[in-house]
Amino acid sequence: MTKEDLPIYYFSKIKDQELRQLVNIKQKFSTDIFDNWFNNQIIIKDNDIQFLTELLNKEFNFIRIYQEEDLKVKFIAPILNKIDFRDINKEIRDFYEQKITYKTENFILTGITDFLISKGLEYSEKPYFFIQEFKKGKESGYPEPQLLAELIAGVELNNFQTMKGAYIVGAIWNFVILEKLAENKYRYFISINFDSTKIEELKEIYKNLLFIKDEIFKMVETD
């Protein structure tokens, strides 16, 4: 099969069954793997708590009814901007709608990602974390296989053994860990639901993202 004949699968359209035909991937039903991540000792600053409280009070009645772009601009982006994943000295930042491509001898995974944190200031050079948002009204809109495809691409492009991500469906956030077991073989874990319309759970989401920021910055320092 020539490169021109390779089937192309887009993140935004890939379905669970298609992904499982391309690679050996299985879900493991265990939450213990999230203990180190979710039980972190990060303390949210008072001004951050105030920010989250005011944001939630303002957007509470709209989070569940927003269309994708509204939710991103009005609620998700302010949270991500507050965390601030950009560090010019470390040459790392967050990207919206960045294209990445992973090619194998049998298929190509490619597409525009919703959000990623990556090495590089002008364009993504080495992705470390992905967030996939649910797209209302699209046949293949459920975000789980889309995020998993992005995580597989990230693991393979970086030669990593594991990678974290998250997907969002309206008010609900789920965090995901993907592990590479062997060539073309993976397993993944999905966290409990975090309801962003509940202030205590929103604070947990914020803490989990702060943990990711710290973890990635440490990884970059050792690269």
N, C-alpha and C. Protein backbone atom coordinates (compact mmCIF):
# COMPACT_ATOMS: atom_id res chain seq x y z
N MET A 1 0.85 -1.20 0.00
CA MET A 1 0.00 0.00 0.00
C MET A 1 0.89 1.25 0.00
N THR A 2 0.69 2.12 -0.97
CA THR A 2 1.46 3.35 -1.04
C THR A 2 0.92 4.37 -0.05
N LYS A 3 1.72 5.40 0.21
CA LYS A 3 1.29 6.43 1.14
C LYS A 3 0.01 7.11 0.65
N GLU A 4 -0.13 7.19 -0.68
CA GLU A 4 -1.31 7.84 -1.24
C GLU A 4 -2.57 7.01 -0.98
N ASP A 5 -2.40 5.70 -0.75
CA ASP A 5 -3.55 4.81 -0.56
C ASP A 5 -3.93 4.64 0.90
N LEU A 6 -3.14 5.18 1.81
CA LEU A 6 -3.42 4.98 3.23
C LEU A 6 -4.75 5.63 3.61
N PRO A 7 -5.59 4.90 4.34
CA PRO A 7 -6.84 5.51 4.81
C PRO A 7 -6.55 6.60 5.84
N ILE A 8 -7.30 7.68 5.76
CA ILE A 8 -7.13 8.81 6.67
C ILE A 8 -8.32 8.88 7.61
N TYR A 9 -8.03 8.98 8.89
CA TYR A 9 -9.07 9.09 9.91
C TYR A 9 -8.90 10.41 10.64
N TYR A 10 -9.97 11.18 10.68
CA TYR A 10 -9.92 12.51 11.29
C TYR A 10 -10.43 12.45 12.73
N PHE A 11 -9.74 13.17 13.61
CA PHE A 11 -10.12 13.17 15.02
C PHE A 11 -11.59 13.53 15.20
N SER A 12 -12.05 14.52 14.46
CA SER A 12 -13.41 15.04 14.65
C SER A 12 -14.49 14.07 14.19
N LYS A 13 -14.10 13.04 13.41
CA LYS A 13 -15.10 12.13 12.84
C LYS A 13 -14.95 10.69 13.28
N ILE A 14 -13.81 10.36 13.88
CA ILE A 14 -13.56 8.95 14.18
C ILE A 14 -14.54 8.43 15.24
N LYS A 15 -15.01 7.22 15.01
CA LYS A 15 -15.94 6.58 15.93
C LYS A 15 -15.23 5.48 16.71
N ASP A 16 -15.84 5.08 17.81
CA ASP A 16 -15.22 4.10 18.69
C ASP A 16 -14.89 2.81 17.95
N GLN A 17 -15.81 2.33 17.15
CA GLN A 17 -15.60 1.08 16.43
C GLN A 17 -14.45 1.20 15.43
N GLU A 18 -14.35 2.33 14.76
CA GLU A 18 -13.27 2.54 13.81
C GLU A 18 -11.92 2.54 14.51
N LEU A 19 -11.85 3.22 15.65
CA LEU A 19 -10.59 3.28 16.39
C LEU A 19 -10.15 1.89 16.83
N ARG A 20 -11.10 1.09 17.28
CA ARG A 20 -10.78 -0.26 17.75
C ARG A 20 -10.40 -1.20 16.61
N GLN A 21 -10.77 -0.87 15.39
CA GLN A 21 -10.32 -1.64 14.24
C GLN A 21 -8.90 -1.27 13.83
N LEU A 22 -8.48 -0.06 14.17
CA LEU A 22 -7.14 0.40 13.82
C LEU A 22 -6.09 -0.08 14.81
N VAL A 23 -6.45 -0.05 16.10
CA VAL A 23 -5.50 -0.40 17.16
C VAL A 23 -6.18 -1.30 18.19
N ASN A 24 -5.35 -1.98 18.95
CA ASN A 24 -5.85 -2.78 20.07
C ASN A 24 -5.94 -1.87 21.28
N ILE A 25 -7.13 -1.46 21.65
CA ILE A 25 -7.31 -0.53 22.76
C ILE A 25 -8.49 -0.98 23.62
N LYS A 26 -8.26 -1.00 24.93
CA LYS A 26 -9.30 -1.44 25.85
C LYS A 26 -9.37 -0.50 27.05
N GLN A 27 -10.58 -0.34 27.55
CA GLN A 27 -10.77 0.46 28.76
C GLN A 27 -10.59 -0.43 29.98
N LYS A 28 -9.87 0.09 30.98
CA LYS A 28 -9.72 -0.58 32.27
C LYS A 28 -10.55 0.17 33.29
N PHE A 29 -11.34 -0.55 34.05
CA PHE A 29 -12.26 0.09 34.99
C PHE A 29 -11.64 0.14 36.38
N SER A 30 -10.76 1.11 36.54
CA SER A 30 -10.10 1.33 37.82
C SER A 30 -9.88 2.82 38.00
N THR A 31 -10.15 3.31 39.19
CA THR A 31 -9.93 4.73 39.48
C THR A 31 -8.68 4.96 40.31
N ASP A 32 -8.04 3.88 40.78
CA ASP A 32 -6.84 4.04 41.61
C ASP A 32 -5.72 4.77 40.89
N ILE A 33 -5.68 4.61 39.57
CA ILE A 33 -4.60 5.22 38.79
C ILE A 33 -4.65 6.75 38.86
N PHE A 34 -5.81 7.29 39.23
CA PHE A 34 -5.95 8.74 39.33
C PHE A 34 -5.58 9.29 40.71
N ASP A 35 -5.25 8.42 41.66
CA ASP A 35 -5.03 8.86 43.04
C ASP A 35 -3.94 9.93 43.15
N ASN A 36 -2.80 9.69 42.52
CA ASN A 36 -1.71 10.66 42.61
C ASN A 36 -2.09 12.00 41.99
N TRP A 37 -2.87 11.94 40.93
CA TRP A 37 -3.31 13.15 40.23
C TRP A 37 -4.36 13.90 41.04
N PHE A 38 -5.41 13.22 41.43
CA PHE A 38 -6.54 13.90 42.06
C PHE A 38 -6.33 14.20 43.54
N ASN A 39 -5.46 13.43 44.19
CA ASN A 39 -5.20 13.67 45.62
C ASN A 39 -3.98 14.55 45.83
N ASN A 40 -3.72 15.40 44.87
CA ASN A 40 -2.57 16.29 44.96
C ASN A 40 -2.76 17.28 46.11
N GLN A 41 -1.64 17.83 46.56
CA GLN A 41 -1.65 18.73 47.72
C GLN A 41 -1.69 20.20 47.32
N ILE A 42 -2.07 20.46 46.10
CA ILE A 42 -2.16 21.84 45.62
C ILE A 42 -3.27 22.58 46.37
N ILE A 43 -2.95 23.76 46.84
CA ILE A 43 -3.93 24.61 47.52
C ILE A 43 -4.30 25.77 46.60
N ILE A 44 -5.58 25.89 46.31
CA ILE A 44 -6.03 26.96 45.42
C ILE A 44 -5.99 28.29 46.18
N LYS A 45 -5.45 29.29 45.54
CA LYS A 45 -5.35 30.62 46.16
C LYS A 45 -6.74 31.24 46.32
N ASP A 46 -6.85 32.12 47.31
CA ASP A 46 -8.14 32.75 47.59
C ASP A 46 -8.68 33.52 46.39
N ASN A 47 -7.77 34.20 45.67
CA ASN A 47 -8.25 34.98 44.52
C ASN A 47 -8.71 34.07 43.39
N ASP A 48 -8.14 32.86 43.30
CA ASP A 48 -8.60 31.89 42.30
C ASP A 48 -9.98 31.35 42.67
N ILE A 49 -10.20 31.10 43.96
CA ILE A 49 -11.52 30.65 44.41
C ILE A 49 -12.57 31.71 44.13
N GLN A 50 -12.20 32.96 44.38
CA GLN A 50 -13.12 34.06 44.10
C GLN A 50 -13.43 34.13 42.61
N PHE A 51 -12.41 33.97 41.79
CA PHE A 51 -12.59 33.97 40.34
C PHE A 51 -13.55 32.87 39.90
N LEU A 52 -13.33 31.65 40.39
CA LEU A 52 -14.18 30.52 40.01
C LEU A 52 -15.62 30.72 40.49
N THR A 53 -15.77 31.24 41.68
CA THR A 53 -17.10 31.48 42.24
C THR A 53 -17.86 32.51 41.42
N GLU A 54 -17.20 33.60 41.07
CA GLU A 54 -17.84 34.65 40.30
C GLU A 54 -18.16 34.17 38.88
N LEU A 55 -17.25 33.41 38.29
CA LEU A 55 -17.49 32.87 36.94
C LEU A 55 -18.68 31.92 36.94
N LEU A 56 -18.74 31.05 37.93
CA LEU A 56 -19.84 30.09 38.01
C LEU A 56 -21.17 30.80 38.27
N ASN A 57 -21.17 31.78 39.14
CA ASN A 57 -22.40 32.53 39.40
C ASN A 57 -22.92 33.21 38.14
N LYS A 58 -22.00 33.68 37.32
CA LYS A 58 -22.38 34.37 36.10
C LYS A 58 -22.89 33.42 35.02
N GLU A 59 -22.28 32.24 34.93
CA GLU A 59 -22.56 31.34 33.80
C GLU A 59 -23.41 30.12 34.17
N PHE A 60 -23.76 29.97 35.43
CA PHE A 60 -24.43 28.76 35.91
C PHE A 60 -25.62 28.35 35.06
N ASN A 61 -26.49 29.26 34.74
CA ASN A 61 -27.73 28.94 34.02
C ASN A 61 -27.52 28.68 32.53
N PHE A 62 -26.31 28.94 32.05
CA PHE A 62 -26.07 28.83 30.61
C PHE A 62 -25.17 27.66 30.22
N ILE A 63 -24.41 27.12 31.17
CA ILE A 63 -23.42 26.10 30.85
C ILE A 63 -24.03 24.92 30.12
N ARG A 64 -25.18 24.46 30.55
CA ARG A 64 -25.80 23.27 29.95
C ARG A 64 -26.46 23.56 28.60
N ILE A 65 -26.71 24.82 28.29
CA ILE A 65 -27.41 25.14 27.04
C ILE A 65 -26.52 25.79 26.00
N TYR A 66 -25.31 26.18 26.40
CA TYR A 66 -24.39 26.80 25.45
C TYR A 66 -24.07 25.86 24.29
N GLN A 67 -23.95 26.41 23.10
CA GLN A 67 -23.34 25.70 21.99
C GLN A 67 -21.84 25.65 22.23
N GLU A 68 -21.15 24.85 21.41
CA GLU A 68 -19.73 24.57 21.65
C GLU A 68 -18.89 25.83 21.80
N GLU A 69 -18.97 26.75 20.84
CA GLU A 69 -18.12 27.93 20.88
C GLU A 69 -18.47 28.85 22.04
N ASP A 70 -19.77 28.95 22.35
CA ASP A 70 -20.19 29.75 23.50
C ASP A 70 -19.59 29.21 24.79
N LEU A 71 -19.69 27.89 24.97
CA LEU A 71 -19.16 27.28 26.18
C LEU A 71 -17.66 27.48 26.28
N LYS A 72 -16.98 27.33 25.15
CA LYS A 72 -15.53 27.48 25.14
C LYS A 72 -15.12 28.91 25.52
N VAL A 73 -15.74 29.88 24.89
CA VAL A 73 -15.34 31.28 25.08
C VAL A 73 -15.79 31.82 26.44
N LYS A 74 -17.01 31.48 26.83
CA LYS A 74 -17.60 32.07 28.03
C LYS A 74 -17.15 31.39 29.33
N PHE A 75 -16.84 30.09 29.26
CA PHE A 75 -16.61 29.36 30.51
C PHE A 75 -15.29 28.60 30.54
N ILE A 76 -14.99 27.83 29.50
CA ILE A 76 -13.79 27.00 29.54
C ILE A 76 -12.52 27.83 29.39
N ALA A 77 -12.47 28.68 28.36
CA ALA A 77 -11.27 29.47 28.10
C ALA A 77 -10.87 30.36 29.28
N PRO A 78 -11.81 31.04 29.95
CA PRO A 78 -11.40 31.84 31.12
C PRO A 78 -10.70 31.02 32.19
N ILE A 79 -11.14 29.78 32.40
CA ILE A 79 -10.50 28.91 33.39
C ILE A 79 -9.09 28.55 32.94
N LEU A 80 -8.94 28.15 31.68
CA LEU A 80 -7.63 27.78 31.16
C LEU A 80 -6.69 28.97 31.13
N ASN A 81 -7.21 30.14 30.80
CA ASN A 81 -6.38 31.35 30.79
C ASN A 81 -5.93 31.73 32.19
N LYS A 82 -6.79 31.51 33.17
CA LYS A 82 -6.44 31.82 34.56
C LYS A 82 -5.30 30.94 35.04
N ILE A 83 -5.32 29.69 34.64
CA ILE A 83 -4.23 28.78 35.00
C ILE A 83 -2.94 29.20 34.32
N ASP A 84 -3.04 29.62 33.08
CA ASP A 84 -1.91 30.15 32.30
C ASP A 84 -0.82 29.10 32.09
N PHE A 85 -0.97 28.34 31.02
CA PHE A 85 -0.01 27.29 30.69
C PHE A 85 1.20 27.81 29.90
N ARG A 86 1.28 29.08 29.66
CA ARG A 86 2.37 29.62 28.84
C ARG A 86 3.58 29.96 29.69
N ASP A 87 4.73 29.54 29.23
CA ASP A 87 6.01 29.91 29.84
C ASP A 87 7.00 30.14 28.71
N ILE A 88 7.33 31.39 28.47
CA ILE A 88 8.19 31.73 27.34
C ILE A 88 9.57 31.12 27.50
N ASN A 89 10.12 31.14 28.71
CA ASN A 89 11.46 30.59 28.93
C ASN A 89 11.51 29.09 28.67
N LYS A 90 10.44 28.40 29.04
CA LYS A 90 10.38 26.95 28.80
C LYS A 90 9.89 26.64 27.39
N GLU A 91 9.47 27.66 26.66
CA GLU A 91 8.95 27.52 25.29
C GLU A 91 7.78 26.54 25.26
N ILE A 92 6.81 26.83 26.10
CA ILE A 92 5.63 25.98 26.15
C ILE A 92 4.39 26.85 26.30
N ARG A 93 3.30 26.43 25.68
CA ARG A 93 2.05 27.17 25.82
C ARG A 93 0.87 26.30 25.41
N ASP A 94 -0.32 26.86 25.58
CA ASP A 94 -1.53 26.18 25.15
C ASP A 94 -1.89 26.62 23.73
N PHE A 95 -2.50 25.71 22.99
CA PHE A 95 -2.90 25.96 21.61
C PHE A 95 -4.36 25.58 21.43
N TYR A 96 -5.07 26.38 20.64
CA TYR A 96 -6.43 26.05 20.22
C TYR A 96 -6.41 25.73 18.72
N GLU A 97 -7.15 24.70 18.34
CA GLU A 97 -7.32 24.33 16.93
C GLU A 97 -5.98 24.17 16.22
N GLN A 98 -5.14 23.34 16.80
CA GLN A 98 -3.84 23.02 16.23
C GLN A 98 -3.92 21.69 15.50
N LYS A 99 -3.38 21.62 14.29
CA LYS A 99 -3.40 20.38 13.53
C LYS A 99 -2.21 19.50 13.90
N ILE A 100 -2.49 18.21 14.14
CA ILE A 100 -1.41 17.24 14.32
C ILE A 100 -1.72 16.03 13.45
N THR A 101 -0.67 15.30 13.07
CA THR A 101 -0.81 14.15 12.19
C THR A 101 0.11 13.04 12.64
N TYR A 102 -0.43 11.84 12.72
CA TYR A 102 0.35 10.65 13.06
C TYR A 102 0.17 9.63 11.93
N LYS A 103 1.28 9.24 11.29
CA LYS A 103 1.23 8.31 10.16
C LYS A 103 1.84 6.97 10.55
N THR A 104 1.18 5.90 10.14
CA THR A 104 1.73 4.56 10.29
C THR A 104 1.80 3.92 8.90
N GLU A 105 2.22 2.67 8.86
CA GLU A 105 2.26 1.96 7.58
C GLU A 105 0.86 1.60 7.09
N ASN A 106 -0.12 1.67 7.99
CA ASN A 106 -1.46 1.20 7.64
C ASN A 106 -2.54 2.28 7.63
N PHE A 107 -2.30 3.38 8.32
CA PHE A 107 -3.32 4.43 8.40
C PHE A 107 -2.70 5.75 8.83
N ILE A 108 -3.52 6.80 8.72
CA ILE A 108 -3.12 8.13 9.16
C ILE A 108 -4.19 8.66 10.11
N LEU A 109 -3.76 9.15 11.27
CA LEU A 109 -4.63 9.87 12.19
C LEU A 109 -4.28 11.34 12.11
N THR A 110 -5.27 12.18 11.87
CA THR A 110 -4.97 13.60 11.73
C THR A 110 -6.20 14.42 12.08
N GLY A 111 -5.98 15.71 12.22
CA GLY A 111 -7.12 16.59 12.46
C GLY A 111 -6.76 17.80 13.28
N ILE A 112 -7.76 18.61 13.52
CA ILE A 112 -7.62 19.84 14.31
C ILE A 112 -8.05 19.55 15.74
N THR A 113 -7.16 19.74 16.67
CA THR A 113 -7.46 19.50 18.08
C THR A 113 -8.17 20.70 18.68
N ASP A 114 -9.04 20.45 19.65
CA ASP A 114 -9.72 21.55 20.33
C ASP A 114 -8.74 22.37 21.16
N PHE A 115 -7.93 21.66 21.96
CA PHE A 115 -7.02 22.34 22.89
C PHE A 115 -5.90 21.37 23.24
N LEU A 116 -4.69 21.89 23.25
CA LEU A 116 -3.57 21.09 23.71
C LEU A 116 -2.52 21.98 24.35
N ILE A 117 -1.72 21.37 25.21
CA ILE A 117 -0.57 22.04 25.81
C ILE A 117 0.66 21.41 25.19
N SER A 118 1.57 22.23 24.69
CA SER A 118 2.65 21.69 23.89
C SER A 118 3.93 22.51 24.02
N LYS A 119 5.03 21.85 23.78
CA LYS A 119 6.29 22.53 23.56
C LYS A 119 6.18 23.31 22.26
N GLY A 120 6.77 24.51 22.25
CA GLY A 120 6.69 25.35 21.06
C GLY A 120 5.90 26.60 21.33
N LEU A 121 6.33 27.71 20.77
CA LEU A 121 5.63 28.98 20.95
C LEU A 121 4.86 29.40 19.70
N GLU A 122 5.42 29.14 18.52
CA GLU A 122 4.73 29.50 17.27
C GLU A 122 3.77 28.41 16.82
N TYR A 123 4.16 27.15 17.01
CA TYR A 123 3.30 26.04 16.65
C TYR A 123 3.64 24.85 17.55
N SER A 124 2.74 23.91 17.60
CA SER A 124 2.91 22.75 18.48
C SER A 124 4.05 21.86 17.99
N GLU A 125 5.03 21.63 18.85
CA GLU A 125 6.15 20.77 18.52
C GLU A 125 6.11 19.43 19.25
N LYS A 126 5.57 19.44 20.47
CA LYS A 126 5.56 18.23 21.30
C LYS A 126 4.38 18.30 22.26
N PRO A 127 3.23 17.76 21.89
CA PRO A 127 2.04 17.87 22.74
C PRO A 127 2.15 17.01 24.00
N TYR A 128 1.62 17.55 25.11
CA TYR A 128 1.67 16.85 26.39
C TYR A 128 0.28 16.54 26.97
N PHE A 129 -0.73 17.30 26.58
CA PHE A 129 -2.05 17.16 27.20
C PHE A 129 -3.09 17.68 26.23
N PHE A 130 -4.23 16.96 26.13
CA PHE A 130 -5.30 17.34 25.21
C PHE A 130 -6.61 17.52 25.97
N ILE A 131 -7.43 18.46 25.51
CA ILE A 131 -8.82 18.56 25.96
C ILE A 131 -9.71 18.52 24.73
N GLN A 132 -10.70 17.65 24.76
CA GLN A 132 -11.64 17.52 23.65
C GLN A 132 -13.03 17.91 24.14
N GLU A 133 -13.68 18.79 23.42
CA GLU A 133 -15.01 19.25 23.81
C GLU A 133 -16.07 18.62 22.92
N PHE A 134 -17.19 18.25 23.53
CA PHE A 134 -18.33 17.71 22.79
C PHE A 134 -18.86 18.72 21.79
N LYS A 135 -19.17 18.23 20.57
CA LYS A 135 -19.72 19.09 19.53
C LYS A 135 -21.18 18.72 19.31
N LYS A 136 -22.07 19.60 19.68
CA LYS A 136 -23.49 19.31 19.55
C LYS A 136 -23.90 19.22 18.08
N GLY A 137 -24.80 18.27 17.80
CA GLY A 137 -25.40 18.21 16.48
C GLY A 137 -24.59 17.49 15.44
N LYS A 138 -23.43 16.91 15.82
CA LYS A 138 -22.62 16.19 14.86
C LYS A 138 -22.77 14.69 15.12
N GLU A 139 -22.89 13.95 14.05
CA GLU A 139 -23.16 12.51 14.17
C GLU A 139 -22.10 11.81 15.00
N SER A 140 -20.84 12.17 14.79
CA SER A 140 -19.76 11.51 15.52
C SER A 140 -19.23 12.40 16.62
N GLY A 141 -20.12 13.18 17.22
CA GLY A 141 -19.69 14.21 18.14
C GLY A 141 -19.23 13.76 19.50
N TYR A 142 -19.48 12.50 19.90
CA TYR A 142 -19.09 12.12 21.24
C TYR A 142 -17.57 12.16 21.36
N PRO A 143 -17.05 12.77 22.41
CA PRO A 143 -15.63 13.13 22.43
C PRO A 143 -14.68 12.02 22.82
N GLU A 144 -15.16 10.92 23.40
CA GLU A 144 -14.22 9.91 23.92
C GLU A 144 -13.30 9.33 22.86
N PRO A 145 -13.79 8.76 21.73
CA PRO A 145 -12.87 8.23 20.72
C PRO A 145 -12.01 9.31 20.08
N GLN A 146 -12.54 10.53 19.99
CA GLN A 146 -11.74 11.62 19.43
C GLN A 146 -10.55 11.92 20.32
N LEU A 147 -10.78 12.01 21.63
CA LEU A 147 -9.68 12.26 22.56
C LEU A 147 -8.69 11.11 22.55
N LEU A 148 -9.18 9.88 22.55
CA LEU A 148 -8.28 8.73 22.55
C LEU A 148 -7.40 8.71 21.31
N ALA A 149 -7.96 9.06 20.16
CA ALA A 149 -7.17 9.12 18.93
C ALA A 149 -6.08 10.18 19.05
N GLU A 150 -6.41 11.32 19.65
CA GLU A 150 -5.42 12.37 19.86
C GLU A 150 -4.33 11.93 20.82
N LEU A 151 -4.72 11.24 21.89
CA LEU A 151 -3.74 10.75 22.86
C LEU A 151 -2.81 9.71 22.24
N ILE A 152 -3.37 8.83 21.41
CA ILE A 152 -2.53 7.85 20.71
C ILE A 152 -1.52 8.56 19.82
N ALA A 153 -2.00 9.56 19.07
CA ALA A 153 -1.09 10.33 18.21
C ALA A 153 -0.01 11.00 19.05
N GLY A 154 -0.40 11.59 20.19
CA GLY A 154 0.57 12.26 21.05
C GLY A 154 1.60 11.31 21.62
N VAL A 155 1.16 10.16 22.09
CA VAL A 155 2.07 9.15 22.64
C VAL A 155 3.08 8.71 21.59
N GLU A 156 2.59 8.45 20.38
CA GLU A 156 3.47 7.94 19.33
C GLU A 156 4.41 9.02 18.79
N LEU A 157 3.91 10.22 18.61
CA LEU A 157 4.76 11.30 18.10
C LEU A 157 5.87 11.65 19.09
N ASN A 158 5.58 11.54 20.39
CA ASN A 158 6.55 11.89 21.43
C ASN A 158 7.37 10.71 21.90
N ASN A 159 7.00 9.51 21.46
CA ASN A 159 7.62 8.29 21.98
C ASN A 159 7.43 8.18 23.48
N PHE A 160 6.24 8.52 23.96
CA PHE A 160 5.87 8.41 25.38
C PHE A 160 5.22 7.05 25.63
N GLN A 161 5.15 6.69 26.90
CA GLN A 161 4.42 5.48 27.29
C GLN A 161 3.04 5.80 27.84
N THR A 162 2.83 7.05 28.25
CA THR A 162 1.53 7.43 28.81
C THR A 162 1.26 8.90 28.53
N MET A 163 -0.01 9.26 28.51
CA MET A 163 -0.40 10.65 28.30
C MET A 163 -1.78 10.88 28.90
N LYS A 164 -1.97 12.09 29.39
CA LYS A 164 -3.24 12.45 30.03
C LYS A 164 -4.04 13.39 29.13
N GLY A 165 -5.35 13.41 29.38
CA GLY A 165 -6.22 14.32 28.65
C GLY A 165 -7.53 14.48 29.40
N ALA A 166 -8.46 15.19 28.77
CA ALA A 166 -9.79 15.38 29.36
C ALA A 166 -10.78 15.61 28.24
N TYR A 167 -12.04 15.23 28.49
CA TYR A 167 -13.09 15.60 27.55
C TYR A 167 -14.25 16.20 28.32
N ILE A 168 -14.98 17.07 27.63
CA ILE A 168 -16.04 17.87 28.25
C ILE A 168 -17.34 17.66 27.49
N VAL A 169 -18.39 17.34 28.22
CA VAL A 169 -19.73 17.25 27.65
C VAL A 169 -20.62 18.17 28.46
N GLY A 170 -20.87 19.37 27.94
CA GLY A 170 -21.66 20.35 28.68
C GLY A 170 -20.99 20.74 29.98
N ALA A 171 -21.65 20.43 31.10
CA ALA A 171 -21.10 20.77 32.41
C ALA A 171 -20.12 19.73 32.93
N ILE A 172 -20.10 18.55 32.31
CA ILE A 172 -19.36 17.42 32.87
C ILE A 172 -17.97 17.29 32.26
N TRP A 173 -16.97 17.18 33.14
CA TRP A 173 -15.59 16.92 32.75
C TRP A 173 -15.21 15.50 33.16
N ASN A 174 -14.52 14.80 32.26
CA ASN A 174 -13.89 13.52 32.60
C ASN A 174 -12.42 13.59 32.22
N PHE A 175 -11.58 13.10 33.10
CA PHE A 175 -10.15 13.04 32.83
C PHE A 175 -9.78 11.63 32.39
N VAL A 176 -8.76 11.53 31.55
CA VAL A 176 -8.40 10.26 30.92
C VAL A 176 -6.90 10.06 30.99
N ILE A 177 -6.50 8.82 31.23
CA ILE A 177 -5.09 8.42 31.14
C ILE A 177 -4.98 7.31 30.12
N LEU A 178 -4.11 7.50 29.13
CA LEU A 178 -3.84 6.47 28.12
C LEU A 178 -2.45 5.89 28.38
N GLU A 179 -2.32 4.58 28.30
CA GLU A 179 -1.03 3.91 28.45
C GLU A 179 -0.76 3.04 27.23
N LYS A 180 0.47 3.11 26.74
CA LYS A 180 0.89 2.23 25.65
C LYS A 180 1.48 0.97 26.27
N LEU A 181 0.95 -0.19 25.87
CA LEU A 181 1.40 -1.47 26.42
C LEU A 181 2.41 -2.16 25.51
N ALA A 182 2.22 -2.02 24.22
CA ALA A 182 3.10 -2.62 23.22
C ALA A 182 2.81 -1.93 21.89
N GLU A 183 3.47 -2.37 20.83
CA GLU A 183 3.22 -1.76 19.54
C GLU A 183 1.75 -1.94 19.15
N ASN A 184 1.09 -0.82 18.90
CA ASN A 184 -0.32 -0.83 18.47
C ASN A 184 -1.27 -1.37 19.54
N LYS A 185 -0.84 -1.35 20.80
CA LYS A 185 -1.68 -1.88 21.89
C LYS A 185 -1.72 -0.88 23.03
N TYR A 186 -2.94 -0.53 23.47
CA TYR A 186 -3.11 0.52 24.48
C TYR A 186 -4.22 0.14 25.46
N ARG A 187 -4.19 0.81 26.59
CA ARG A 187 -5.31 0.75 27.52
C ARG A 187 -5.55 2.15 28.05
N TYR A 188 -6.79 2.39 28.49
CA TYR A 188 -7.11 3.72 28.99
C TYR A 188 -8.04 3.65 30.18
N PHE A 189 -8.01 4.72 30.95
CA PHE A 189 -8.80 4.84 32.17
C PHE A 189 -9.58 6.15 32.12
N ILE A 190 -10.84 6.10 32.52
CA ILE A 190 -11.68 7.30 32.55
C ILE A 190 -12.07 7.59 33.99
N SER A 191 -11.94 8.84 34.37
CA SER A 191 -12.22 9.24 35.75
C SER A 191 -13.71 9.31 36.03
N ILE A 192 -14.04 9.55 37.28
CA ILE A 192 -15.40 9.88 37.66
C ILE A 192 -15.79 11.20 37.00
N ASN A 193 -17.08 11.48 36.98
CA ASN A 193 -17.56 12.76 36.46
C ASN A 193 -17.25 13.89 37.42
N PHE A 194 -16.88 15.03 36.85
CA PHE A 194 -16.76 16.27 37.62
C PHE A 194 -17.76 17.26 37.03
N ASP A 195 -18.70 17.69 37.85
CA ASP A 195 -19.76 18.60 37.41
C ASP A 195 -19.32 20.04 37.66
N SER A 196 -19.05 20.76 36.59
CA SER A 196 -18.51 22.12 36.72
C SER A 196 -19.54 23.13 37.20
N THR A 197 -20.81 22.73 37.33
CA THR A 197 -21.81 23.65 37.87
C THR A 197 -21.86 23.59 39.40
N LYS A 198 -21.07 22.71 39.99
CA LYS A 198 -20.97 22.62 41.45
C LYS A 198 -19.61 23.18 41.86
N ILE A 199 -19.60 24.19 42.70
CA ILE A 199 -18.38 24.93 42.98
C ILE A 199 -17.27 24.04 43.53
N GLU A 200 -17.60 23.09 44.40
CA GLU A 200 -16.55 22.23 44.95
C GLU A 200 -15.94 21.34 43.88
N GLU A 201 -16.75 20.86 42.95
CA GLU A 201 -16.22 20.04 41.86
C GLU A 201 -15.48 20.90 40.84
N LEU A 202 -15.93 22.12 40.65
CA LEU A 202 -15.20 23.04 39.77
C LEU A 202 -13.82 23.32 40.34
N LYS A 203 -13.72 23.46 41.64
CA LYS A 203 -12.42 23.67 42.27
C LYS A 203 -11.52 22.44 42.09
N GLU A 204 -12.12 21.24 42.11
CA GLU A 204 -11.34 20.03 41.87
C GLU A 204 -10.84 19.99 40.43
N ILE A 205 -11.68 20.38 39.49
CA ILE A 205 -11.25 20.47 38.09
C ILE A 205 -10.05 21.41 37.98
N TYR A 206 -10.16 22.54 38.63
CA TYR A 206 -9.10 23.56 38.59
C TYR A 206 -7.80 22.99 39.18
N LYS A 207 -7.90 22.30 40.32
CA LYS A 207 -6.73 21.69 40.94
C LYS A 207 -6.11 20.64 40.03
N ASN A 208 -6.95 19.84 39.39
CA ASN A 208 -6.43 18.81 38.49
C ASN A 208 -5.67 19.42 37.32
N LEU A 209 -6.14 20.55 36.83
CA LEU A 209 -5.45 21.23 35.73
C LEU A 209 -4.16 21.89 36.22
N LEU A 210 -4.17 22.42 37.43
CA LEU A 210 -2.93 22.97 38.01
C LEU A 210 -1.87 21.88 38.16
N PHE A 211 -2.30 20.69 38.54
CA PHE A 211 -1.38 19.56 38.64
C PHE A 211 -0.76 19.26 37.28
N ILE A 212 -1.58 19.28 36.23
CA ILE A 212 -1.08 19.04 34.88
C ILE A 212 -0.05 20.09 34.50
N LYS A 213 -0.32 21.34 34.82
CA LYS A 213 0.62 22.41 34.52
C LYS A 213 1.96 22.14 35.19
N ASP A 214 1.94 21.84 36.48
CA ASP A 214 3.18 21.57 37.21
C ASP A 214 3.90 20.36 36.64
N GLU A 215 3.15 19.31 36.33
CA GLU A 215 3.76 18.09 35.81
C GLU A 215 4.43 18.33 34.47
N ILE A 216 3.76 19.06 33.59
CA ILE A 216 4.32 19.32 32.26
C ILE A 216 5.56 20.21 32.37
N PHE A 217 5.50 21.24 33.19
CA PHE A 217 6.66 22.12 33.34
C PHE A 217 7.88 21.34 33.84
N LYS A 218 7.67 20.39 34.74
CA LYS A 218 8.77 19.56 35.23
C LYS A 218 9.29 18.65 34.12
N MET A 219 8.39 18.12 33.30
CA MET A 219 8.81 17.27 32.19
C MET A 219 9.65 18.04 31.20
N VAL A 220 9.26 19.28 30.93
CA VAL A 220 9.99 20.12 29.98
C VAL A 220 11.39 20.41 30.49
N GLU A 221 11.52 20.63 31.79
CA GLU A 221 12.83 20.93 32.38
C GLU A 221 13.80 19.77 32.25
N THR A 222 13.28 18.54 32.20
CA THR A 222 14.15 17.36 32.12
C THR A 222 14.36 16.87 30.69
N ASP A 223 13.67 17.48 29.73
CA ASP A 223 13.83 17.07 28.32
C ASP A 223 15.23 17.40 27.81
